[in-house]
Protein backbone atom coordinates (compact mmCIF):
# COMPACT_ATOMS: atom_id res chain seq x y z
CA MET A 1 99.33 -5.94 58.09
CA LEU A 2 99.25 -4.14 54.81
CA SER A 3 97.37 -0.86 54.26
CA LEU A 4 94.57 -0.42 51.41
CA GLN A 5 96.98 2.06 49.95
CA THR A 6 99.88 -0.40 49.67
CA CYS A 7 97.82 -3.38 48.27
CA PHE A 8 96.92 -0.68 45.43
CA GLY A 9 100.32 0.28 44.86
CA MET A 10 101.44 -3.38 44.69
CA THR A 11 98.78 -4.24 42.58
CA ARG A 12 99.72 -1.40 40.00
CA LEU A 13 103.38 -2.21 40.35
CA PHE A 14 102.38 -5.84 39.64
CA ALA A 15 100.63 -4.65 36.54
CA LEU A 16 103.43 -2.46 35.52
CA LEU A 17 105.99 -5.46 35.78
CA LEU A 18 103.89 -7.84 33.63
CA GLU A 19 103.39 -5.02 30.85
CA THR A 20 107.11 -4.52 31.09
CA LEU A 21 107.90 -8.06 30.38
CA GLU A 22 105.54 -8.52 27.80
CA ARG A 23 107.27 -5.52 25.75
CA PHE A 24 110.61 -7.18 26.63
CA GLU A 25 109.15 -10.58 25.32
CA LEU A 26 108.14 -8.84 21.81
CA TRP A 27 111.30 -6.83 21.53
CA PHE A 28 113.67 -10.16 22.19
CA ASP A 29 111.57 -12.10 19.79
CA ASP A 30 111.95 -9.76 17.00
CA ARG A 31 115.53 -9.12 17.53
CA PHE A 32 117.01 -12.58 18.79
CA GLY A 33 113.78 -15.20 18.13
CA TRP A 34 114.99 -16.34 14.73
CA PHE A 35 118.55 -17.62 16.36
CA PHE A 36 116.86 -19.18 19.27
CA THR A 37 114.35 -20.96 16.87
CA ASN A 38 115.92 -21.61 13.49
CA GLY A 39 119.63 -20.27 13.82
CA MET A 40 120.29 -23.32 16.22
CA LYS A 41 118.74 -26.02 14.35
CA ASP A 42 121.73 -26.37 11.91
CA ARG A 43 123.67 -27.30 14.83
CA HIS A 44 121.97 -30.41 16.24
CA SER A 45 120.96 -31.21 12.76
CA VAL A 46 122.60 -34.64 11.19
CA HIS A 47 123.85 -33.93 7.60
């Protein structure tokens, strides 16, 4: 059985993980977002 302190620790860890993933998403979109959206369109389009 988990103690109350462990549950609060896991909740804070989960919140930190979500915040970190959100910051990574913003960084990744700023840095590589164009490549994965517009940059790869030319490869699949027929000229």
